[in-house]
Amino acid sequence: MPAYDRIVLVCTGKNCTQNGEGLALYDRLKTRLKQLGLINGTIKIKRSRVHCFGVCKAGPLLCVQPDGVWYYAVDEAKLELIIEQHLILGKPVTEWVFHQGPQVTCKK
């Protein structure tokens, strides 16, 4: 199993959005990670679906681990900036962070 630098959890539950935006965001994230070489490149990012974070109506939500950063109301434009700033450069996009949990350590 490859070691990942970050894991992006995407809420795809039906209570988070009304029109399946979470699932569309999850699919878009896959496309962008592949295009940017972030699945098996120098930086390795994994994405995973979560059916409910328990913060309904604020979505689509993303949680980036091991950083403990939670983003709300993520659309395609926000996703691009999160990829560029946070996933690649390691700097959370603070204006869309609604929770910062403890940072965890990933084994490599």
N, C-alpha and C. Protein backbone atom coordinates (compact mmCIF):
# COMPACT_ATOMS: atom_id res chain seq x y z
N MET A 1 0.84 -1.18 0.00
CA MET A 1 0.00 0.00 0.00
C MET A 1 0.89 1.24 0.00
N PRO A 2 0.64 2.16 -0.91
CA PRO A 2 1.47 3.36 -0.96
C PRO A 2 1.20 4.28 0.23
N ALA A 3 2.22 4.99 0.65
CA ALA A 3 2.05 5.99 1.70
C ALA A 3 1.55 7.27 1.04
N TYR A 4 0.57 7.89 1.65
CA TYR A 4 0.00 9.12 1.09
C TYR A 4 0.44 10.32 1.92
N ASP A 5 0.65 11.43 1.25
CA ASP A 5 0.97 12.67 1.95
C ASP A 5 -0.28 13.27 2.58
N ARG A 6 -1.39 13.16 1.86
CA ARG A 6 -2.66 13.67 2.37
C ARG A 6 -3.79 12.78 1.87
N ILE A 7 -4.84 12.73 2.68
CA ILE A 7 -6.07 12.04 2.31
C ILE A 7 -7.18 13.09 2.35
N VAL A 8 -7.94 13.17 1.26
CA VAL A 8 -9.04 14.12 1.18
C VAL A 8 -10.35 13.35 1.30
N LEU A 9 -11.09 13.64 2.36
CA LEU A 9 -12.39 13.01 2.58
C LEU A 9 -13.45 13.95 2.05
N VAL A 10 -14.33 13.43 1.20
CA VAL A 10 -15.37 14.24 0.56
C VAL A 10 -16.73 13.72 0.99
N CYS A 11 -17.56 14.60 1.54
CA CYS A 11 -18.92 14.19 1.91
C CYS A 11 -19.76 14.07 0.64
N THR A 12 -20.32 12.89 0.43
CA THR A 12 -21.18 12.65 -0.74
C THR A 12 -22.60 12.32 -0.31
N GLY A 13 -22.92 12.57 0.96
CA GLY A 13 -24.25 12.26 1.47
C GLY A 13 -25.33 13.14 0.89
N LYS A 14 -26.55 12.64 0.89
CA LYS A 14 -27.67 13.37 0.31
C LYS A 14 -28.15 14.52 1.18
N ASN A 15 -27.83 14.52 2.47
CA ASN A 15 -28.26 15.61 3.34
C ASN A 15 -27.35 16.83 3.24
N CYS A 16 -26.18 16.64 2.67
CA CYS A 16 -25.19 17.72 2.58
C CYS A 16 -25.55 18.70 1.46
N THR A 17 -26.03 18.17 0.36
CA THR A 17 -26.42 18.99 -0.78
C THR A 17 -27.68 18.39 -1.40
N GLN A 18 -28.36 19.16 -2.21
CA GLN A 18 -29.61 18.68 -2.79
C GLN A 18 -29.45 18.06 -4.17
N ASN A 19 -28.41 18.41 -4.89
CA ASN A 19 -28.30 18.00 -6.29
C ASN A 19 -27.08 17.15 -6.59
N GLY A 20 -26.56 16.46 -5.60
CA GLY A 20 -25.43 15.58 -5.83
C GLY A 20 -24.10 16.28 -6.04
N GLU A 21 -23.98 17.51 -5.52
CA GLU A 21 -22.75 18.26 -5.72
C GLU A 21 -21.54 17.58 -5.08
N GLY A 22 -21.75 16.89 -3.96
CA GLY A 22 -20.65 16.20 -3.29
C GLY A 22 -20.05 15.11 -4.16
N LEU A 23 -20.90 14.33 -4.79
CA LEU A 23 -20.43 13.26 -5.68
C LEU A 23 -19.73 13.84 -6.91
N ALA A 24 -20.28 14.92 -7.45
CA ALA A 24 -19.64 15.58 -8.59
C ALA A 24 -18.27 16.13 -8.19
N LEU A 25 -18.17 16.67 -6.99
CA LEU A 25 -16.89 17.19 -6.49
C LEU A 25 -15.89 16.05 -6.31
N TYR A 26 -16.35 14.93 -5.80
CA TYR A 26 -15.51 13.74 -5.62
C TYR A 26 -14.94 13.29 -6.97
N ASP A 27 -15.80 13.26 -7.98
CA ASP A 27 -15.36 12.87 -9.33
C ASP A 27 -14.39 13.90 -9.91
N ARG A 28 -14.67 15.17 -9.70
CA ARG A 28 -13.79 16.24 -10.20
C ARG A 28 -12.42 16.15 -9.53
N LEU A 29 -12.40 15.86 -8.24
CA LEU A 29 -11.14 15.71 -7.52
C LEU A 29 -10.31 14.59 -8.13
N LYS A 30 -10.94 13.49 -8.47
CA LYS A 30 -10.22 12.37 -9.10
C LYS A 30 -9.58 12.83 -10.41
N THR A 31 -10.37 13.51 -11.23
CA THR A 31 -9.87 13.99 -12.52
C THR A 31 -8.67 14.90 -12.34
N ARG A 32 -8.78 15.87 -11.43
CA ARG A 32 -7.69 16.83 -11.23
C ARG A 32 -6.45 16.18 -10.63
N LEU A 33 -6.62 15.26 -9.69
CA LEU A 33 -5.47 14.57 -9.11
C LEU A 33 -4.71 13.79 -10.17
N LYS A 34 -5.45 13.13 -11.06
CA LYS A 34 -4.81 12.40 -12.17
C LYS A 34 -4.08 13.36 -13.10
N GLN A 35 -4.76 14.44 -13.50
CA GLN A 35 -4.16 15.40 -14.43
C GLN A 35 -2.88 16.01 -13.87
N LEU A 36 -2.85 16.24 -12.58
CA LEU A 36 -1.70 16.90 -11.95
C LEU A 36 -0.64 15.92 -11.44
N GLY A 37 -0.87 14.63 -11.66
CA GLY A 37 0.10 13.63 -11.22
C GLY A 37 0.21 13.52 -9.71
N LEU A 38 -0.90 13.74 -9.02
CA LEU A 38 -0.89 13.73 -7.55
C LEU A 38 -1.38 12.42 -6.94
N ILE A 39 -1.53 11.40 -7.77
CA ILE A 39 -1.94 10.10 -7.23
C ILE A 39 -0.72 9.22 -7.00
N ASN A 40 0.18 9.20 -7.95
CA ASN A 40 1.38 8.36 -7.85
C ASN A 40 2.66 9.14 -8.09
N GLY A 41 2.61 10.45 -7.94
CA GLY A 41 3.78 11.28 -8.17
C GLY A 41 4.61 11.48 -6.91
N THR A 42 5.38 12.54 -6.92
CA THR A 42 6.19 12.88 -5.75
C THR A 42 5.30 13.17 -4.55
N ILE A 43 4.21 13.89 -4.79
CA ILE A 43 3.18 14.12 -3.78
C ILE A 43 2.08 13.10 -4.05
N LYS A 44 1.68 12.35 -3.03
CA LYS A 44 0.64 11.33 -3.20
C LYS A 44 -0.59 11.72 -2.39
N ILE A 45 -1.70 11.90 -3.10
CA ILE A 45 -2.96 12.28 -2.48
C ILE A 45 -3.97 11.17 -2.73
N LYS A 46 -4.69 10.79 -1.69
CA LYS A 46 -5.77 9.81 -1.82
C LYS A 46 -7.08 10.53 -1.54
N ARG A 47 -8.11 10.13 -2.22
CA ARG A 47 -9.44 10.67 -1.95
C ARG A 47 -10.33 9.54 -1.47
N SER A 48 -11.28 9.87 -0.63
CA SER A 48 -12.20 8.87 -0.10
C SER A 48 -13.55 9.53 0.16
N ARG A 49 -14.62 8.76 -0.07
CA ARG A 49 -15.97 9.27 0.16
C ARG A 49 -16.40 9.01 1.59
N VAL A 50 -17.14 9.95 2.13
CA VAL A 50 -17.77 9.81 3.44
C VAL A 50 -19.24 10.12 3.22
N HIS A 51 -20.11 9.30 3.77
CA HIS A 51 -21.54 9.52 3.53
C HIS A 51 -22.14 10.58 4.42
N CYS A 52 -21.51 10.87 5.56
CA CYS A 52 -22.01 11.95 6.41
C CYS A 52 -20.95 12.35 7.42
N PHE A 53 -20.68 13.64 7.48
CA PHE A 53 -19.80 14.20 8.51
C PHE A 53 -20.62 14.72 9.69
N GLY A 54 -21.94 14.78 9.53
CA GLY A 54 -22.79 15.29 10.59
C GLY A 54 -22.88 16.81 10.64
N VAL A 55 -22.49 17.47 9.58
CA VAL A 55 -22.57 18.93 9.49
C VAL A 55 -23.41 19.24 8.25
N CYS A 56 -24.61 18.72 8.24
CA CYS A 56 -25.46 18.80 7.06
C CYS A 56 -25.79 20.25 6.68
N LYS A 57 -26.07 20.44 5.43
CA LYS A 57 -26.46 21.72 4.82
C LYS A 57 -25.32 22.71 4.69
N ALA A 58 -24.10 22.32 5.03
CA ALA A 58 -22.95 23.22 4.87
C ALA A 58 -22.07 22.75 3.72
N GLY A 59 -22.53 21.77 3.00
CA GLY A 59 -21.67 21.12 2.03
C GLY A 59 -21.76 21.67 0.63
N PRO A 60 -21.00 21.05 -0.21
CA PRO A 60 -20.14 19.89 0.02
C PRO A 60 -18.97 20.21 0.95
N LEU A 61 -18.65 19.24 1.78
CA LEU A 61 -17.57 19.37 2.75
C LEU A 61 -16.36 18.56 2.32
N LEU A 62 -15.18 19.08 2.62
CA LEU A 62 -13.92 18.35 2.44
C LEU A 62 -13.18 18.37 3.76
N CYS A 63 -12.55 17.26 4.08
CA CYS A 63 -11.67 17.21 5.23
C CYS A 63 -10.32 16.71 4.74
N VAL A 64 -9.27 17.47 5.01
CA VAL A 64 -7.93 17.11 4.55
C VAL A 64 -7.14 16.59 5.76
N GLN A 65 -6.71 15.34 5.65
CA GLN A 65 -5.91 14.71 6.69
C GLN A 65 -4.52 14.45 6.14
N PRO A 66 -3.49 14.48 6.90
CA PRO A 66 -3.46 14.49 8.36
C PRO A 66 -3.52 15.88 8.98
N ASP A 67 -3.87 16.89 8.18
CA ASP A 67 -3.83 18.27 8.65
C ASP A 67 -5.00 18.65 9.55
N GLY A 68 -6.08 17.87 9.52
CA GLY A 68 -7.24 18.16 10.35
C GLY A 68 -8.01 19.39 9.91
N VAL A 69 -7.96 19.71 8.61
CA VAL A 69 -8.59 20.92 8.08
C VAL A 69 -9.91 20.55 7.40
N TRP A 70 -10.98 21.26 7.80
CA TRP A 70 -12.31 21.04 7.24
C TRP A 70 -12.73 22.27 6.44
N TYR A 71 -13.16 22.04 5.21
CA TYR A 71 -13.65 23.11 4.33
C TYR A 71 -15.15 22.95 4.11
N TYR A 72 -15.86 24.07 4.00
CA TYR A 72 -17.31 24.04 3.78
C TYR A 72 -17.67 24.64 2.43
N ALA A 73 -18.87 24.28 1.94
CA ALA A 73 -19.44 24.83 0.71
C ALA A 73 -18.43 24.85 -0.44
N VAL A 74 -17.76 23.73 -0.63
CA VAL A 74 -16.72 23.66 -1.66
C VAL A 74 -17.35 23.47 -3.04
N ASP A 75 -17.02 24.35 -3.95
CA ASP A 75 -17.44 24.20 -5.34
C ASP A 75 -16.18 23.96 -6.18
N GLU A 76 -16.36 23.91 -7.48
CA GLU A 76 -15.23 23.60 -8.37
C GLU A 76 -14.10 24.64 -8.27
N ALA A 77 -14.46 25.91 -8.20
CA ALA A 77 -13.44 26.97 -8.10
C ALA A 77 -12.68 26.88 -6.78
N LYS A 78 -13.39 26.64 -5.69
CA LYS A 78 -12.73 26.48 -4.39
C LYS A 78 -11.84 25.25 -4.40
N LEU A 79 -12.32 24.18 -5.02
CA LEU A 79 -11.54 22.95 -5.08
C LEU A 79 -10.20 23.20 -5.76
N GLU A 80 -10.20 23.95 -6.84
CA GLU A 80 -8.95 24.25 -7.55
C GLU A 80 -7.95 24.95 -6.64
N LEU A 81 -8.43 25.93 -5.89
CA LEU A 81 -7.54 26.65 -4.99
C LEU A 81 -7.07 25.77 -3.84
N ILE A 82 -7.94 24.92 -3.33
CA ILE A 82 -7.55 23.99 -2.26
C ILE A 82 -6.48 23.04 -2.77
N ILE A 83 -6.63 22.56 -4.00
CA ILE A 83 -5.62 21.68 -4.58
C ILE A 83 -4.28 22.42 -4.69
N GLU A 84 -4.31 23.61 -5.28
CA GLU A 84 -3.08 24.37 -5.51
C GLU A 84 -2.41 24.80 -4.20
N GLN A 85 -3.19 25.39 -3.31
CA GLN A 85 -2.62 25.97 -2.09
C GLN A 85 -2.36 24.93 -1.00
N HIS A 86 -3.35 24.09 -0.74
CA HIS A 86 -3.24 23.18 0.40
C HIS A 86 -2.60 21.85 0.03
N LEU A 87 -3.15 21.18 -0.96
CA LEU A 87 -2.64 19.84 -1.28
C LEU A 87 -1.23 19.87 -1.84
N ILE A 88 -0.92 20.86 -2.66
CA ILE A 88 0.41 20.93 -3.27
C ILE A 88 1.39 21.72 -2.40
N LEU A 89 0.98 22.90 -1.95
CA LEU A 89 1.90 23.78 -1.20
C LEU A 89 1.84 23.60 0.32
N GLY A 90 0.80 22.91 0.80
CA GLY A 90 0.69 22.67 2.24
C GLY A 90 0.17 23.84 3.05
N LYS A 91 -0.48 24.80 2.38
CA LYS A 91 -1.00 25.99 3.07
C LYS A 91 -2.53 25.99 2.97
N PRO A 92 -3.23 25.71 4.08
CA PRO A 92 -4.70 25.71 4.03
C PRO A 92 -5.25 27.05 3.54
N VAL A 93 -6.37 26.98 2.84
CA VAL A 93 -7.07 28.17 2.34
C VAL A 93 -7.99 28.63 3.48
N THR A 94 -7.48 29.48 4.34
CA THR A 94 -8.12 29.79 5.61
C THR A 94 -9.52 30.39 5.50
N GLU A 95 -9.82 31.10 4.43
CA GLU A 95 -11.15 31.73 4.32
C GLU A 95 -12.28 30.71 4.18
N TRP A 96 -11.97 29.46 3.85
CA TRP A 96 -13.02 28.43 3.72
C TRP A 96 -12.92 27.35 4.78
N VAL A 97 -12.02 27.52 5.73
CA VAL A 97 -11.87 26.54 6.81
C VAL A 97 -12.92 26.85 7.88
N PHE A 98 -13.71 25.84 8.25
CA PHE A 98 -14.65 26.06 9.34
C PHE A 98 -14.26 25.28 10.59
N HIS A 99 -13.28 24.41 10.48
CA HIS A 99 -12.79 23.70 11.66
C HIS A 99 -11.35 23.26 11.41
N GLN A 100 -10.53 23.41 12.43
CA GLN A 100 -9.15 22.93 12.38
C GLN A 100 -8.97 22.00 13.56
N GLY A 101 -8.91 20.71 13.27
CA GLY A 101 -8.69 19.72 14.31
C GLY A 101 -7.21 19.50 14.52
N PRO A 102 -6.88 18.57 15.39
CA PRO A 102 -5.46 18.28 15.61
C PRO A 102 -4.85 17.62 14.39
N GLN A 103 -3.58 17.91 14.18
CA GLN A 103 -2.86 17.26 13.09
C GLN A 103 -2.47 15.87 13.56
N VAL A 104 -2.64 14.89 12.68
CA VAL A 104 -2.28 13.52 13.01
C VAL A 104 -1.04 13.14 12.21
N THR A 105 -0.38 12.11 12.65
CA THR A 105 0.82 11.65 11.96
C THR A 105 0.49 10.45 11.10
N CYS A 106 0.87 10.51 9.85
CA CYS A 106 0.69 9.38 8.94
C CYS A 106 1.99 8.58 8.90
N LYS A 107 1.86 7.29 8.98
CA LYS A 107 3.05 6.44 8.87
C LYS A 107 3.45 6.35 7.42
N LYS A 108 4.74 6.44 7.17
CA LYS A 108 5.25 6.32 5.80
C LYS A 108 6.15 5.12 5.70
